[in-house]
Amino acid sequence: MHIEENKTKKFNNSIIVGYGSIGKKHAEYLKSVSNCLHIIDPKYSLSSSNQINPIKAFKSFSELKIELSDNDVAVVSNWGPDHFETVEKIAKIGITQIILEKPCVDSLEEIDLIRNLAEKFSLKISVNQGWYYLELGKRIVRLGEKLKLGLPVAIWFTGGARCLSTAGSHWVSLANEIFSSAPSQIIADANSDSINPRSENLSFIEGIFSFKYSEGKRLGICLTNKSAIEGKLEIYWRNAIGVLEDEIIQIYLGNQSEEDKRITSYVKANTLIYKGNVPESDDTSKFGMQSLYNSFLEHDTSKFYTKLNHHLLTTKSIILALIASETREHLNFDSKVDRHLYKKKYRIS
């Protein structure tokens, strides 16, 4: 009976490095689809777990002793500054299927290192960023075209203590998808406070951040660590505005007269023309833990390289914003920075 059950499992060994709030979500899924779940976290206790499947706990990666198979998977859900080192350890022991939590890494150098690592070991790295796998940006573009609004021209987020890294990676990733590129120029005025709920040693970044894209399109992010308000994400078209919350969007049309179509003839956008979920297309992924892990069965390695590059460009945008703030410079996306800034770890997580 036990042998038959094992044949139905997606994975032989599952390894979770970092058992915080996100690591626990992965564990809830993996313990039912793995023959054995290994949790690596110095604070984890087996006595507090619900042992549906065999679970083994280790205080550090060096304690891990397992017999590997081709059908193993590892989850990197520890602190962002430790991500590259963890992925490297996983690759060197022979596991090629990896779920990586955002941000991918916390330095420009490690962006290059993790890209090289993926190529060297033929890694399938899937970054857990839900909006990207939901193709939310592409769906918003298609909805605007269906409503005859044209293409989005700007995205603004204003809010309280959300952190440029913790939540900001979603907005940058969304903008990159909507505008079909990474930003071309970045300026910023950033500040970090010791309020990160994971650890006071990790950054929690507020400030004003401007990401300029081709044709003058923009993403603007304004955050303050002095407010607990969640904030609001707005998408601007030439003559409409959309307010996005999760996958629900409300779009209001500007009441511009037929006689005066000047861009400077300011009007109020108060005619509601759409409210509801951003429509899905036939090829939209049904994102969730199941689809995240199923991707290892559905895509080849080259597909993972393409997807990983999107997330690395998002991470690079965030780190460049922090460098732009530090140097007080307008940075082009491909600007060369001083070596110490290239290597500097920004403690984002």
Protein backbone atom coordinates (compact mmCIF):
# COMPACT_ATOMS: atom_id res chain seq x y z
CA MET A 1 0.00 0.00 0.00
CA HIS A 2 2.78 2.40 0.91
CA ILE A 3 4.54 1.75 -2.41
CA GLU A 4 1.39 2.52 -4.39
CA GLU A 5 0.93 5.80 -2.53
CA ASN A 6 4.52 6.81 -3.31
CA LYS A 7 3.87 6.37 -7.01
CA THR A 8 1.22 9.09 -6.86
CA LYS A 9 3.57 11.65 -5.34
CA LYS A 10 4.89 14.47 -7.53
CA PHE A 11 8.18 14.67 -5.67
CA ASN A 12 10.42 12.30 -3.80
CA ASN A 13 12.28 14.72 -1.52
CA SER A 14 11.03 18.26 -0.88
CA ILE A 15 13.29 20.70 0.92
CA ILE A 16 12.16 24.01 2.40
CA VAL A 17 14.88 26.42 3.49
CA GLY A 18 13.25 29.01 5.75
CA TYR A 19 10.07 28.16 7.64
CA GLY A 20 8.47 31.57 8.02
CA SER A 21 4.97 32.52 6.91
CA ILE A 22 5.73 31.77 3.24
CA GLY A 23 7.66 28.59 3.99
CA LYS A 24 4.66 27.28 5.95
CA LYS A 25 2.40 27.78 2.92
CA HIS A 26 4.78 25.73 0.80
CA ALA A 27 4.92 23.04 3.49
CA GLU A 28 1.12 22.75 3.60
CA TYR A 29 1.13 21.92 -0.10
CA LEU A 30 4.30 19.84 -0.29
CA LYS A 31 3.57 17.49 2.61
CA SER A 32 0.74 15.92 0.60
CA VAL A 33 2.67 15.56 -2.69
CA SER A 34 6.10 14.48 -1.40
CA ASN A 35 7.44 11.23 -0.05
CA CYS A 36 9.51 13.13 2.48
CA LEU A 37 9.53 16.80 3.48
CA HIS A 38 12.76 18.28 4.85
CA ILE A 39 12.59 21.63 6.67
CA ILE A 40 15.76 23.62 7.28
CA ASP A 41 15.33 26.42 9.82
CA PRO A 42 17.09 26.96 13.16
CA LYS A 43 13.79 27.93 14.79
CA TYR A 44 11.69 25.03 13.49
CA SER A 45 10.45 22.39 15.92
CA LEU A 46 9.01 19.03 14.87
CA SER A 47 6.84 18.95 17.96
CA SER A 48 4.77 21.83 16.57
CA SER A 49 4.11 20.21 13.20
CA ASN A 50 1.15 18.24 11.91
CA GLN A 51 2.95 15.18 10.64
CA ILE A 52 0.72 13.87 7.86
CA ASN A 53 3.78 12.78 5.89
CA PRO A 54 7.30 12.01 7.06
CA ILE A 55 8.89 15.32 8.03
CA LYS A 56 12.51 15.82 8.96
CA ALA A 57 13.88 18.98 10.54
CA PHE A 58 17.41 20.39 10.39
CA LYS A 59 18.92 23.44 12.03
CA SER A 60 21.23 24.18 9.08
CA PHE A 61 21.84 23.12 5.50
CA SER A 62 25.06 21.33 6.50
CA GLU A 63 23.02 18.83 8.55
CA LEU A 64 20.97 17.72 5.54
CA LYS A 65 21.75 14.13 4.54
CA ILE A 66 19.47 12.68 1.85
CA GLU A 67 19.63 10.27 -1.05
CA LEU A 68 18.79 12.38 -4.09
CA SER A 69 16.59 11.51 -7.04
CA ASP A 70 15.70 13.25 -10.31
CA ASN A 71 12.35 14.18 -8.85
CA ASP A 72 13.36 16.36 -5.90
CA VAL A 73 12.39 19.99 -5.36
CA ALA A 74 13.72 22.74 -3.10
CA VAL A 75 12.10 25.94 -1.86
CA VAL A 76 14.18 29.00 -1.00
CA SER A 77 12.04 30.99 1.43
CA ASN A 78 14.63 32.28 3.87
CA TRP A 79 15.79 35.90 4.05
CA GLY A 80 16.53 37.63 0.75
CA PRO A 81 20.22 38.32 1.56
CA ASP A 82 20.74 34.53 1.88
CA HIS A 83 18.98 33.54 -1.36
CA PHE A 84 21.97 33.24 -3.69
CA GLU A 85 24.07 31.28 -1.21
CA THR A 86 21.12 28.92 -0.63
CA VAL A 87 20.44 28.37 -4.34
CA GLU A 88 24.14 27.67 -4.86
CA LYS A 89 24.14 25.02 -2.11
CA ILE A 90 21.03 23.40 -3.57
CA ALA A 91 22.52 23.33 -7.07
CA LYS A 92 25.80 21.83 -5.86
CA ILE A 93 24.11 18.88 -4.15
CA GLY A 94 22.32 18.10 -7.42
CA ILE A 95 18.77 19.45 -7.10
CA THR A 96 17.70 21.32 -10.24
CA GLN A 97 14.03 22.11 -9.50
CA ILE A 98 13.88 25.23 -7.31
CA ILE A 99 11.11 27.56 -6.11
CA LEU A 100 12.64 30.96 -5.30
CA GLU A 101 10.77 33.52 -3.26
CA LYS A 102 11.12 37.19 -4.12
CA PRO A 103 13.24 39.25 -4.12
CA CYS A 104 15.52 36.90 -6.04
CA VAL A 105 18.69 38.36 -4.48
CA ASP A 106 19.80 41.64 -2.89
CA SER A 107 22.76 42.84 -4.99
CA LEU A 108 23.57 43.51 -8.63
CA GLU A 109 26.47 41.07 -8.43
CA GLU A 110 24.22 38.26 -7.25
CA ILE A 111 21.81 38.89 -10.14
CA ASP A 112 24.64 37.97 -12.51
CA LEU A 113 25.79 35.12 -10.29
CA ILE A 114 22.38 33.47 -10.05
CA ARG A 115 21.86 33.78 -13.81
CA ASN A 116 25.24 32.08 -14.38
CA LEU A 117 24.39 29.44 -11.79
CA ALA A 118 21.11 28.61 -13.55
CA GLU A 119 22.95 28.10 -16.85
CA LYS A 120 25.85 26.13 -15.37
CA PHE A 121 23.65 23.61 -13.53
CA SER A 122 20.64 23.70 -15.95
CA LEU A 123 18.40 24.83 -13.10
CA LYS A 124 14.67 25.18 -13.39
CA ILE A 125 14.07 28.18 -11.11
CA SER A 126 10.47 29.32 -10.66
CA VAL A 127 10.04 32.64 -8.83
CA ASN A 128 6.89 32.82 -6.74
CA GLN A 129 5.35 36.07 -8.02
CA GLY A 130 1.64 35.53 -8.54
CA TRP A 131 0.66 38.46 -10.77
CA TYR A 132 3.26 37.44 -13.34
CA TYR A 133 1.93 33.89 -13.62
CA LEU A 134 -1.61 35.23 -13.79
CA GLU A 135 -0.47 37.34 -16.77
CA LEU A 136 -2.26 40.22 -15.07
CA GLY A 137 -0.36 42.91 -16.98
CA LYS A 138 -1.17 41.41 -20.38
CA ARG A 139 -4.82 41.01 -19.37
CA ILE A 140 -5.04 44.68 -18.32
CA VAL A 141 -3.60 45.74 -21.69
CA ARG A 142 -6.14 43.56 -23.54
CA LEU A 143 -9.02 44.96 -21.45
CA GLY A 144 -7.97 48.53 -22.26
CA GLU A 145 -7.85 47.72 -25.95
CA LYS A 146 -11.29 46.07 -25.78
CA LEU A 147 -12.67 49.22 -24.15
CA LYS A 148 -10.97 51.30 -26.89
CA LEU A 149 -8.76 53.12 -24.37
CA GLY A 150 -5.47 52.49 -26.15
CA LEU A 151 -2.38 51.45 -24.19
CA PRO A 152 -1.67 52.41 -20.55
CA VAL A 153 0.66 55.39 -20.18
CA ALA A 154 1.37 55.48 -16.44
CA ILE A 155 1.06 53.45 -13.24
CA TRP A 156 1.05 55.15 -9.83
CA PHE A 157 1.17 53.52 -6.41
CA THR A 158 0.81 55.57 -3.23
CA GLY A 159 0.68 54.05 0.22
CA GLY A 160 2.06 53.60 3.69
CA ALA A 161 4.57 51.11 5.06
CA ARG A 162 4.61 48.56 2.22
CA CYS A 163 8.38 48.45 1.41
CA LEU A 164 9.79 48.86 -2.08
CA SER A 165 11.08 45.28 -1.96
CA THR A 166 8.30 43.45 -0.11
CA ALA A 167 5.39 44.77 -2.18
CA GLY A 168 7.19 46.93 -4.72
CA SER A 169 8.45 43.98 -6.72
CA HIS A 170 4.82 43.22 -7.65
CA TRP A 171 4.32 46.74 -9.02
CA VAL A 172 7.61 46.81 -10.93
CA SER A 173 6.94 43.36 -12.38
CA LEU A 174 3.43 44.46 -13.39
CA ALA A 175 4.75 47.64 -15.05
CA ASN A 176 7.42 45.69 -16.92
CA GLU A 177 4.71 43.38 -18.25
CA ILE A 178 2.29 46.19 -19.17
CA PHE A 179 4.99 48.29 -20.86
CA SER A 180 6.73 45.20 -22.36
CA SER A 181 10.19 46.15 -21.13
CA ALA A 182 12.37 47.01 -18.16
CA PRO A 183 12.55 50.72 -17.26
CA SER A 184 15.04 52.81 -19.20
CA GLN A 185 15.77 55.37 -16.45
CA ILE A 186 15.38 55.39 -12.66
CA ILE A 187 15.51 58.14 -10.03
CA ALA A 188 14.75 57.78 -6.33
CA ASP A 189 14.82 59.24 -2.84
CA ALA A 190 14.78 56.25 -0.47
CA ASN A 191 15.00 55.64 3.26
CA SER A 192 15.00 52.44 5.30
CA ASP A 193 13.67 51.99 8.83
CA SER A 194 14.23 49.13 11.27
CA ILE A 195 10.61 47.96 11.19
CA ASN A 196 10.83 44.81 9.06
CA PRO A 197 8.67 42.21 10.86
CA ARG A 198 11.15 39.45 9.95
CA SER A 199 14.15 41.17 11.53
CA GLU A 200 15.32 44.68 12.32
CA ASN A 201 18.49 43.77 10.42
CA LEU A 202 16.52 43.69 7.16
CA SER A 203 15.60 46.78 5.15
CA PHE A 204 12.09 48.21 5.03
CA ILE A 205 12.20 50.89 2.37
CA GLU A 206 10.05 53.99 1.95
CA GLY A 207 10.48 56.92 -0.39
CA ILE A 208 9.69 58.26 -3.85
CA PHE A 209 10.69 56.19 -6.86
CA SER A 210 10.33 57.01 -10.55
CA PHE A 211 10.79 54.43 -13.31
CA LYS A 212 10.71 55.81 -16.85
CA TYR A 213 9.91 53.53 -19.78
CA SER A 214 10.02 53.97 -23.56
CA GLU A 215 7.72 56.56 -25.13
CA GLY A 216 7.66 58.48 -21.84
CA LYS A 217 5.56 55.92 -19.96
CA ARG A 218 6.12 55.85 -16.23
CA LEU A 219 5.78 53.90 -13.00
CA GLY A 220 5.75 56.03 -9.85
CA ILE A 221 5.87 54.65 -6.30
CA CYS A 222 5.41 56.81 -3.18
CA LEU A 223 5.67 55.10 0.21
CA THR A 224 5.89 56.31 3.80
CA ASN A 225 6.84 54.21 6.81
CA LYS A 226 4.88 56.62 9.02
CA SER A 227 1.49 55.29 7.89
CA ALA A 228 -0.20 51.89 8.19
CA ILE A 229 -2.55 52.57 5.26
CA GLU A 230 -2.37 49.90 2.56
CA GLY A 231 -2.46 52.34 -0.32
CA LYS A 232 -3.80 52.36 -3.86
CA LEU A 233 -2.61 51.35 -7.31
CA GLU A 234 -3.86 53.40 -10.26
CA ILE A 235 -3.39 52.80 -13.97
CA TYR A 236 -3.73 55.74 -16.36
CA TRP A 237 -4.75 55.64 -19.99
CA ARG A 238 -4.92 58.76 -22.15
CA ASN A 239 -8.53 59.39 -21.15
CA ALA A 240 -9.28 56.88 -18.37
CA ILE A 241 -8.11 55.71 -14.98
CA GLY A 242 -8.22 52.25 -13.45
CA VAL A 243 -8.01 51.41 -9.74
CA LEU A 244 -6.60 47.90 -9.22
CA GLU A 245 -7.05 45.79 -6.09
CA ASP A 246 -5.78 42.21 -6.40
CA GLU A 247 -7.38 41.13 -9.70
CA ILE A 248 -10.37 43.48 -9.44
CA ILE A 249 -10.28 46.69 -11.44
CA GLN A 250 -12.60 49.69 -11.69
CA ILE A 251 -12.11 51.84 -14.79
CA TYR A 252 -13.49 55.37 -15.10
CA LEU A 253 -13.64 57.32 -18.34
CA GLY A 254 -12.75 61.00 -18.53
CA ASN A 255 -15.60 63.24 -19.68
CA GLN A 256 -13.69 65.03 -22.42
CA SER A 257 -15.78 67.04 -24.85
CA GLU A 258 -15.78 66.31 -28.57
CA GLU A 259 -14.82 69.91 -29.22
CA ASP A 260 -11.72 69.99 -27.01
CA LYS A 261 -9.44 66.95 -27.20
CA ARG A 262 -6.31 68.71 -25.94
CA ILE A 263 -4.25 66.72 -23.43
CA THR A 264 -4.22 69.84 -21.25
CA SER A 265 -8.00 70.15 -21.08
CA TYR A 266 -8.26 68.52 -17.69
CA VAL A 267 -11.42 66.58 -16.98
CA LYS A 268 -12.74 64.39 -14.19
CA ALA A 269 -12.85 60.65 -14.78
CA ASN A 270 -16.17 59.82 -13.16
CA THR A 271 -17.98 57.63 -15.69
CA LEU A 272 -17.62 54.01 -14.59
CA ILE A 273 -17.17 51.83 -17.69
CA TYR A 274 -15.88 48.60 -16.14
CA LYS A 275 -15.90 46.98 -12.69
CA GLY A 276 -14.91 43.41 -11.90
CA ASN A 277 -12.12 40.89 -12.31
CA VAL A 278 -9.64 41.60 -15.06
CA PRO A 279 -10.87 39.15 -17.73
CA GLU A 280 -8.81 36.03 -18.30
CA SER A 281 -7.79 34.69 -21.68
CA ASP A 282 -7.75 31.08 -22.76
CA ASP A 283 -4.04 30.76 -22.00
CA THR A 284 -4.07 32.49 -18.60
CA SER A 285 -2.39 30.38 -15.94
CA LYS A 286 -4.50 29.35 -12.97
CA PHE A 287 -1.93 30.40 -10.42
CA GLY A 288 -1.64 28.65 -7.12
CA MET A 289 0.69 26.25 -5.40
CA GLN A 290 -0.41 23.44 -7.69
CA SER A 291 0.30 25.32 -10.93
CA LEU A 292 3.57 26.66 -9.50
CA TYR A 293 4.87 23.15 -8.90
CA ASN A 294 3.26 21.70 -12.02
CA SER A 295 5.42 24.07 -14.06
CA PHE A 296 8.35 21.69 -13.52
CA LEU A 297 6.45 19.05 -15.48
CA GLU A 298 5.09 21.39 -18.15
CA HIS A 299 8.09 23.53 -19.21
CA ASP A 300 11.59 22.84 -20.43
CA THR A 301 14.71 24.51 -19.05
CA SER A 302 14.81 27.26 -21.70
CA LYS A 303 11.31 28.40 -20.67
CA PHE A 304 12.53 28.75 -17.10
CA TYR A 305 15.49 30.88 -18.24
CA THR A 306 13.08 33.31 -19.93
CA LYS A 307 10.85 33.58 -16.89
CA LEU A 308 13.79 33.89 -14.49
CA ASN A 309 15.19 36.77 -16.55
CA HIS A 310 11.91 38.70 -16.14
CA HIS A 311 12.19 38.40 -12.36
CA LEU A 312 15.89 39.28 -12.35
CA LEU A 313 15.12 42.45 -14.33
CA THR A 314 12.50 43.32 -11.71
CA THR A 315 15.02 42.78 -8.92
CA LYS A 316 17.61 44.83 -10.81
CA SER A 317 15.12 47.72 -11.15
CA ILE A 318 14.61 47.79 -7.38
CA ILE A 319 18.32 47.64 -6.57
CA LEU A 320 19.08 50.35 -9.15
CA ALA A 321 16.46 52.53 -7.45
CA LEU A 322 18.33 52.15 -4.16
CA ILE A 323 21.63 52.95 -5.89
CA ALA A 324 20.07 55.99 -7.60
CA SER A 325 18.94 57.26 -4.21
CA GLU A 326 22.36 56.66 -2.69
CA THR A 327 24.27 58.38 -5.50
CA ARG A 328 21.65 61.09 -6.16
CA GLU A 329 21.89 60.30 -9.87
CA HIS A 330 19.52 59.57 -12.71
CA LEU A 331 20.50 56.01 -13.61
CA ASN A 332 19.98 54.44 -16.98
CA PHE A 333 19.02 50.79 -16.69
CA ASP A 334 22.30 49.69 -18.26
CA SER A 335 24.46 52.21 -16.39
CA LYS A 336 27.76 50.94 -15.07
CA VAL A 337 28.04 51.51 -11.33
CA ASP A 338 31.07 51.59 -9.07
CA ARG A 339 32.32 48.18 -8.04
CA HIS A 340 31.39 48.61 -4.38
CA LEU A 341 27.80 49.44 -5.38
CA TYR A 342 27.75 46.48 -7.78
CA LYS A 343 28.73 44.17 -4.90
CA LYS A 344 26.79 45.90 -2.13
CA LYS A 345 24.06 43.84 -0.47
CA TYR A 346 21.01 45.97 0.29
CA ARG A 347 19.43 43.62 2.86
CA ILE A 348 16.06 43.50 1.05
CA SER A 349 13.74 40.62 1.83
